[in-house]
């Protein structure tokens, strides 16, 4: 009859309940190297995706900046490798929106975005705000991919502000830690109460 120690040795020889050894140093090194390669590839892909965002970006004040309306051609850099929708609007302080125009297209060059308005008259120095939104595709339901906004003074052509970039995603409101803890305690108490009621009925 075999002893307990002999039985344990036999189980190890025949592949019984035997604990697997820890990974050796070369194994851990290769696993870490593989993970590093994967993360580097993911980072490169994300950077490439960010550089491929379609955009139409204002570059400065139009050469025509009269305060009586007309044709305002804003210098614009286009990076639209595929067909997308671009929407522009021009707002004059005290008057509101005086021009808006949506167009679909694909182009990658330096050009202008044209705002054609009817006649009006405002004092010199009135602020004009031009906004250009590039969408992710040609459909009206597409998400906003890029936004460029230009503010300048009519009459003087003074640049007030110029900002462009990818819109920030909307922040999802989250419960603070203490609220999450209180909610977890409340749900746990409700579950225990229902369990006790079921046990009492049984």
C-alpha atoms as a PDB file:
ATOM      1  CA  UNK A   1       0.000   0.000   0.000  1.00  0.00           C
ATOM      2  CA  UNK A   2       1.412   3.386  -1.017  1.00  0.00           C
ATOM      3  CA  UNK A   3       1.951   6.087   1.531  1.00  0.00           C
ATOM      4  CA  UNK A   4       0.504   9.569   1.228  1.00  0.00           C
ATOM      5  CA  UNK A   5       3.853  11.005   0.110  1.00  0.00           C
ATOM      6  CA  UNK A   6       4.241   8.348  -2.581  1.00  0.00           C
ATOM      7  CA  UNK A   7       0.708   9.043  -3.875  1.00  0.00           C
ATOM      8  CA  UNK A   8       1.491  12.756  -4.123  1.00  0.00           C
ATOM      9  CA  UNK A   9       4.652  12.005  -6.124  1.00  0.00           C
ATOM     10  CA  UNK A  10       2.692   9.719  -8.457  1.00  0.00           C
ATOM     11  CA  UNK A  11       0.100  12.461  -9.080  1.00  0.00           C
ATOM     12  CA  UNK A  12       2.864  14.891  -9.996  1.00  0.00           C
ATOM     13  CA  UNK A  13       4.373  12.371 -12.448  1.00  0.00           C
ATOM     14  CA  UNK A  14       1.043  11.563 -14.130  1.00  0.00           C
ATOM     15  CA  UNK A  15      -0.086  15.211 -14.462  1.00  0.00           C
ATOM     16  CA  UNK A  16      -2.601  15.163 -11.596  1.00  0.00           C
ATOM     17  CA  UNK A  17      -3.500  18.179  -9.495  1.00  0.00           C
ATOM     18  CA  UNK A  18      -0.173  19.902  -9.830  1.00  0.00           C
ATOM     19  CA  UNK A  19       0.336  23.664  -9.495  1.00  0.00           C
ATOM     20  CA  UNK A  20       1.804  25.354 -12.564  1.00  0.00           C
ATOM     21  CA  UNK A  21       5.212  26.981 -12.005  1.00  0.00           C
ATOM     22  CA  UNK A  22       5.572  30.747 -12.219  1.00  0.00           C
ATOM     23  CA  UNK A  23       6.691  32.249 -15.510  1.00  0.00           C
ATOM     24  CA  UNK A  24      10.432  32.419 -15.934  1.00  0.00           C
ATOM     25  CA  UNK A  25      12.288  35.682 -16.546  1.00  0.00           C
ATOM     26  CA  UNK A  26      12.478  35.262 -20.375  1.00  0.00           C
ATOM     27  CA  UNK A  27       8.749  34.540 -20.498  1.00  0.00           C
ATOM     28  CA  UNK A  28       7.876  37.637 -18.491  1.00  0.00           C
ATOM     29  CA  UNK A  29      10.233  39.744 -20.616  1.00  0.00           C
ATOM     30  CA  UNK A  30       8.666  38.542 -23.864  1.00  0.00           C
ATOM     31  CA  UNK A  31       5.159  39.149 -22.526  1.00  0.00           C
ATOM     32  CA  UNK A  32       6.082  42.688 -21.521  1.00  0.00           C
ATOM     33  CA  UNK A  33       7.722  43.304 -24.894  1.00  0.00           C
ATOM     34  CA  UNK A  34       4.613  42.056 -26.720  1.00  0.00           C
ATOM     35  CA  UNK A  35       2.356  44.304 -24.636  1.00  0.00           C
ATOM     36  CA  UNK A  36       4.612  47.282 -25.352  1.00  0.00           C
ATOM     37  CA  UNK A  37       4.458  46.619 -29.087  1.00  0.00           C
ATOM     38  CA  UNK A  38       0.649  46.394 -28.964  1.00  0.00           C
ATOM     39  CA  UNK A  39       0.279  49.660 -27.029  1.00  0.00           C
ATOM     40  CA  UNK A  40       2.732  51.418 -29.352  1.00  0.00           C
ATOM     41  CA  UNK A  41       0.722  50.258 -32.365  1.00  0.00           C
ATOM     42  CA  UNK A  42      -2.505  51.466 -30.778  1.00  0.00           C
ATOM     43  CA  UNK A  43      -0.970  54.852 -30.008  1.00  0.00           C
ATOM     44  CA  UNK A  44       0.266  55.230 -33.582  1.00  0.00           C
ATOM     45  CA  UNK A  45      -3.165  54.323 -34.935  1.00  0.00           C
ATOM     46  CA  UNK A  46      -4.854  56.876 -32.678  1.00  0.00           C
ATOM     47  CA  UNK A  47      -2.410  59.579 -33.747  1.00  0.00           C
ATOM     48  CA  UNK A  48      -3.004  58.747 -37.401  1.00  0.00           C
ATOM     49  CA  UNK A  49      -6.784  58.844 -36.889  1.00  0.00           C
ATOM     50  CA  UNK A  50      -6.532  62.271 -35.216  1.00  0.00           C
ATOM     51  CA  UNK A  51      -4.492  63.651 -38.152  1.00  0.00           C
ATOM     52  CA  UNK A  52      -7.143  62.415 -40.609  1.00  0.00           C
ATOM     53  CA  UNK A  53     -10.005  64.428 -39.077  1.00  0.00           C
ATOM     54  CA  UNK A  54     -11.620  66.485 -41.885  1.00  0.00           C
ATOM     55  CA  UNK A  55     -11.276  70.202 -41.319  1.00  0.00           C
ATOM     56  CA  UNK A  56     -11.918  73.594 -42.870  1.00  0.00           C
ATOM     57  CA  UNK A  57      -9.961  76.174 -40.880  1.00  0.00           C
ATOM     58  CA  UNK A  58     -10.023  79.966 -41.041  1.00  0.00           C
ATOM     59  CA  UNK A  59      -6.564  81.521 -41.350  1.00  0.00           C
ATOM     60  CA  UNK A  60      -7.245  85.230 -40.854  1.00  0.00           C
ATOM     61  CA  UNK A  61      -9.352  88.304 -41.543  1.00  0.00           C
ATOM     62  CA  UNK A  62     -10.864  88.713 -45.030  1.00  0.00           C
ATOM     63  CA  UNK A  63      -9.343  91.369 -47.269  1.00  0.00           C
ATOM     64  CA  UNK A  64     -12.768  93.028 -47.496  1.00  0.00           C
ATOM     65  CA  UNK A  65     -14.060  94.088 -44.071  1.00  0.00           C
ATOM     66  CA  UNK A  66     -16.482  96.910 -44.859  1.00  0.00           C
ATOM     67  CA  UNK A  67     -19.316  97.684 -42.426  1.00  0.00           C
ATOM     68  CA  UNK A  68     -22.007  97.917 -45.129  1.00  0.00           C
ATOM     69  CA  UNK A  69     -22.258  94.290 -46.272  1.00  0.00           C
ATOM     70  CA  UNK A  70     -20.981  92.582 -49.369  1.00  0.00           C
ATOM     71  CA  UNK A  71     -18.724  89.651 -50.177  1.00  0.00           C
ATOM     72  CA  UNK A  72     -16.487  88.575 -47.290  1.00  0.00           C
ATOM     73  CA  UNK A  73     -13.944  86.034 -48.530  1.00  0.00           C
ATOM     74  CA  UNK A  74     -12.191  84.501 -45.514  1.00  0.00           C
ATOM     75  CA  UNK A  75      -8.852  82.749 -46.221  1.00  0.00           C
ATOM     76  CA  UNK A  76      -9.353  79.078 -45.364  1.00  0.00           C
ATOM     77  CA  UNK A  77      -7.238  75.939 -45.278  1.00  0.00           C
ATOM     78  CA  UNK A  78      -9.191  72.906 -46.494  1.00  0.00           C
ATOM     79  CA  UNK A  79      -8.319  69.355 -45.456  1.00  0.00           C
ATOM     80  CA  UNK A  80     -11.276  67.384 -46.788  1.00  0.00           C
ATOM     81  CA  UNK A  81      -9.959  64.158 -48.361  1.00  0.00           C
ATOM     82  CA  UNK A  82     -13.481  62.711 -48.640  1.00  0.00           C
ATOM     83  CA  UNK A  83     -16.966  64.101 -49.227  1.00  0.00           C
ATOM     84  CA  UNK A  84     -18.181  65.975 -46.132  1.00  0.00           C
ATOM     85  CA  UNK A  85     -20.554  68.799 -45.258  1.00  0.00           C
ATOM     86  CA  UNK A  86     -19.239  72.224 -44.245  1.00  0.00           C
ATOM     87  CA  UNK A  87     -21.549  74.839 -42.711  1.00  0.00           C
ATOM     88  CA  UNK A  88     -20.614  78.496 -42.310  1.00  0.00           C
ATOM     89  CA  UNK A  89     -22.340  81.460 -40.705  1.00  0.00           C
ATOM     90  CA  UNK A  90     -21.555  85.157 -40.289  1.00  0.00           C
ATOM     91  CA  UNK A  91     -23.035  87.067 -37.358  1.00  0.00           C
ATOM     92  CA  UNK A  92     -22.886  90.856 -36.920  1.00  0.00           C
ATOM     93  CA  UNK A  93     -23.250  92.370 -33.477  1.00  0.00           C
ATOM     94  CA  UNK A  94     -26.581  94.149 -33.223  1.00  0.00           C
ATOM     95  CA  UNK A  95     -27.941  92.566 -36.402  1.00  0.00           C
ATOM     96  CA  UNK A  96     -27.633  88.836 -35.864  1.00  0.00           C
ATOM     97  CA  UNK A  97     -26.889  86.340 -38.615  1.00  0.00           C
ATOM     98  CA  UNK A  98     -26.416  88.005 -41.991  1.00  0.00           C
ATOM     99  CA  UNK A  99     -25.143  85.007 -43.977  1.00  0.00           C
ATOM    100  CA  UNK A 100     -25.249  81.224 -43.686  1.00  0.00           C
ATOM    101  CA  UNK A 101     -24.278  78.621 -46.212  1.00  0.00           C
ATOM    102  CA  UNK A 102     -23.929  74.828 -46.250  1.00  0.00           C
ATOM    103  CA  UNK A 103     -21.999  72.984 -48.908  1.00  0.00           C
ATOM    104  CA  UNK A 104     -20.740  69.477 -49.599  1.00  0.00           C
ATOM    105  CA  UNK A 105     -17.368  68.745 -51.108  1.00  0.00           C
ATOM    106  CA  UNK A 106     -13.897  67.297 -50.864  1.00  0.00           C
ATOM    107  CA  UNK A 107     -10.731  69.330 -51.325  1.00  0.00           C
ATOM    108  CA  UNK A 108      -7.264  69.666 -49.807  1.00  0.00           C
ATOM    109  CA  UNK A 109      -5.898  73.105 -50.617  1.00  0.00           C
ATOM    110  CA  UNK A 110      -5.727  76.739 -49.592  1.00  0.00           C
ATOM    111  CA  UNK A 111      -8.733  78.805 -50.596  1.00  0.00           C
ATOM    112  CA  UNK A 112     -11.443  81.052 -49.231  1.00  0.00           C
ATOM    113  CA  UNK A 113     -14.862  80.643 -47.676  1.00  0.00           C
ATOM    114  CA  UNK A 114     -17.277  83.205 -49.058  1.00  0.00           C
ATOM    115  CA  UNK A 115     -19.972  84.978 -47.052  1.00  0.00           C
ATOM    116  CA  UNK A 116     -22.282  86.996 -49.302  1.00  0.00           C
ATOM    117  CA  UNK A 117     -24.619  89.377 -47.501  1.00  0.00           C
ATOM    118  CA  UNK A 118     -27.214  91.945 -48.377  1.00  0.00           C
ATOM    119  CA  UNK A 119     -26.632  95.643 -47.728  1.00  0.00           C
ATOM    120  CA  UNK A 120     -26.594  96.902 -44.136  1.00  0.00           C
ATOM    121  CA  UNK A 121     -24.851  99.585 -42.148  1.00  0.00           C
ATOM    122  CA  UNK A 122     -23.152  99.335 -38.751  1.00  0.00           C
ATOM    123  CA  UNK A 123     -20.574 101.562 -37.044  1.00  0.00           C
ATOM    124  CA  UNK A 124     -16.884 100.962 -37.619  1.00  0.00           C
ATOM    125  CA  UNK A 125     -15.459  98.602 -35.031  1.00  0.00           C
ATOM    126  CA  UNK A 126     -18.579  96.424 -34.887  1.00  0.00           C
ATOM    127  CA  UNK A 127     -17.680  92.811 -34.244  1.00  0.00           C
ATOM    128  CA  UNK A 128     -18.202  90.221 -36.967  1.00  0.00           C
ATOM    129  CA  UNK A 129     -18.171  86.540 -35.951  1.00  0.00           C
ATOM    130  CA  UNK A 130     -17.594  83.920 -38.645  1.00  0.00           C
ATOM    131  CA  UNK A 131     -18.054  80.256 -37.758  1.00  0.00           C
ATOM    132  CA  UNK A 132     -17.172  77.261 -39.903  1.00  0.00           C
ATOM    133  CA  UNK A 133     -18.225  73.744 -38.887  1.00  0.00           C
ATOM    134  CA  UNK A 134     -16.907  70.632 -40.625  1.00  0.00           C
ATOM    135  CA  UNK A 135     -18.994  67.507 -40.198  1.00  0.00           C
ATOM    136  CA  UNK A 136     -17.788  63.908 -40.290  1.00  0.00           C
ATOM    137  CA  UNK A 137     -19.755  63.147 -43.474  1.00  0.00           C
ATOM    138  CA  UNK A 138     -22.142  64.620 -46.030  1.00  0.00           C
ATOM    139  CA  UNK A 139     -25.391  63.829 -44.193  1.00  0.00           C
ATOM    140  CA  UNK A 140     -27.137  66.414 -41.976  1.00  0.00           C
ATOM    141  CA  UNK A 141     -27.164  63.870 -39.131  1.00  0.00           C
ATOM    142  CA  UNK A 142     -23.354  63.518 -39.088  1.00  0.00           C
ATOM    143  CA  UNK A 143     -21.429  64.517 -35.972  1.00  0.00           C
ATOM    144  CA  UNK A 144     -19.405  67.702 -35.792  1.00  0.00           C
ATOM    145  CA  UNK A 145     -15.753  66.901 -36.521  1.00  0.00           C
ATOM    146  CA  UNK A 146     -14.041  70.309 -36.544  1.00  0.00           C
ATOM    147  CA  UNK A 147     -14.898  73.927 -35.720  1.00  0.00           C
ATOM    148  CA  UNK A 148     -13.217  77.204 -36.645  1.00  0.00           C
ATOM    149  CA  UNK A 149     -14.295  80.613 -35.330  1.00  0.00           C
ATOM    150  CA  UNK A 150     -13.061  84.045 -36.356  1.00  0.00           C
ATOM    151  CA  UNK A 151     -13.943  87.385 -34.724  1.00  0.00           C
ATOM    152  CA  UNK A 152     -12.854  90.687 -36.304  1.00  0.00           C
ATOM    153  CA  UNK A 153     -13.829  94.353 -36.388  1.00  0.00           C
ATOM    154  CA  UNK A 154     -15.423  95.766 -39.493  1.00  0.00           C
ATOM    155  CA  UNK A 155     -13.968  98.989 -40.847  1.00  0.00           C
ATOM    156  CA  UNK A 156     -10.579  98.435 -39.202  1.00  0.00           C
ATOM    157  CA  UNK A 157     -10.068  94.745 -39.998  1.00  0.00           C
ATOM    158  CA  UNK A 158      -8.655  94.166 -36.523  1.00  0.00           C
ATOM    159  CA  UNK A 159      -8.399  90.502 -35.579  1.00  0.00           C
ATOM    160  CA  UNK A 160     -10.085  89.966 -32.201  1.00  0.00           C
ATOM    161  CA  UNK A 161      -9.840  86.180 -31.905  1.00  0.00           C
ATOM    162  CA  UNK A 162      -9.223  83.094 -34.007  1.00  0.00           C
ATOM    163  CA  UNK A 163      -9.724  79.592 -32.638  1.00  0.00           C
ATOM    164  CA  UNK A 164      -9.929  76.222 -34.360  1.00  0.00           C
ATOM    165  CA  UNK A 165      -9.922  72.606 -33.307  1.00  0.00           C
ATOM    166  CA  UNK A 166     -11.778  69.382 -32.657  1.00  0.00           C
ATOM    167  CA  UNK A 167     -14.801  69.974 -30.408  1.00  0.00           C
ATOM    168  CA  UNK A 168     -14.496  68.522 -26.928  1.00  0.00           C
ATOM    169  CA  UNK A 169     -16.875  65.659 -26.122  1.00  0.00           C
ATOM    170  CA  UNK A 170     -19.688  66.435 -23.731  1.00  0.00           C
ATOM    171  CA  UNK A 171     -18.911  65.483 -20.163  1.00  0.00           C
ATOM    172  CA  UNK A 172     -21.186  62.875 -18.642  1.00  0.00           C
ATOM    173  CA  UNK A 173     -22.198  63.897 -15.111  1.00  0.00           C
ATOM    174  CA  UNK A 174     -21.040  61.364 -12.533  1.00  0.00           C
ATOM    175  CA  UNK A 175     -22.073  60.803  -8.940  1.00  0.00           C
ATOM    176  CA  UNK A 176     -19.466  61.619  -6.270  1.00  0.00           C
ATOM    177  CA  UNK A 177     -17.904  58.732  -4.351  1.00  0.00           C
ATOM    178  CA  UNK A 178     -20.010  59.280  -1.241  1.00  0.00           C
ATOM    179  CA  UNK A 179     -23.202  59.224  -3.336  1.00  0.00           C
ATOM    180  CA  UNK A 180     -22.139  56.000  -5.031  1.00  0.00           C
ATOM    181  CA  UNK A 181     -21.461  54.457  -1.621  1.00  0.00           C
ATOM    182  CA  UNK A 182     -24.860  55.573  -0.306  1.00  0.00           C
ATOM    183  CA  UNK A 183     -26.580  54.191  -3.395  1.00  0.00           C
ATOM    184  CA  UNK A 184     -24.780  50.853  -3.036  1.00  0.00           C
ATOM    185  CA  UNK A 185     -25.790  50.639   0.648  1.00  0.00           C
ATOM    186  CA  UNK A 186     -29.379  51.491  -0.224  1.00  0.00           C
ATOM    187  CA  UNK A 187     -29.582  48.843  -2.936  1.00  0.00           C
ATOM    188  CA  UNK A 188     -27.916  46.284  -0.675  1.00  0.00           C
ATOM    189  CA  UNK A 189     -30.379  47.026   2.109  1.00  0.00           C
ATOM    190  CA  UNK A 190     -33.325  46.739  -0.255  1.00  0.00           C
ATOM    191  CA  UNK A 191     -32.050  43.386  -1.511  1.00  0.00           C
ATOM    192  CA  UNK A 192     -31.592  42.063   2.035  1.00  0.00           C
ATOM    193  CA  UNK A 193     -35.094  43.236   3.016  1.00  0.00           C
ATOM    194  CA  UNK A 194     -36.663  41.452   0.039  1.00  0.00           C
ATOM    195  CA  UNK A 195     -34.696  38.297   0.850  1.00  0.00           C
ATOM    196  CA  UNK A 196     -35.969  38.347   4.446  1.00  0.00           C
ATOM    197  CA  UNK A 197     -39.568  38.812   3.264  1.00  0.00           C
ATOM    198  CA  UNK A 198     -39.281  35.865   0.918  1.00  0.00           C
ATOM    199  CA  UNK A 199     -37.789  33.734   3.688  1.00  0.00           C
ATOM    200  CA  UNK A 200     -40.604  34.748   6.066  1.00  0.00           C
ATOM    201  CA  UNK A 201     -43.281  33.833   3.513  1.00  0.00           C
ATOM    202  CA  UNK A 202     -41.664  30.472   2.866  1.00  0.00           C
END
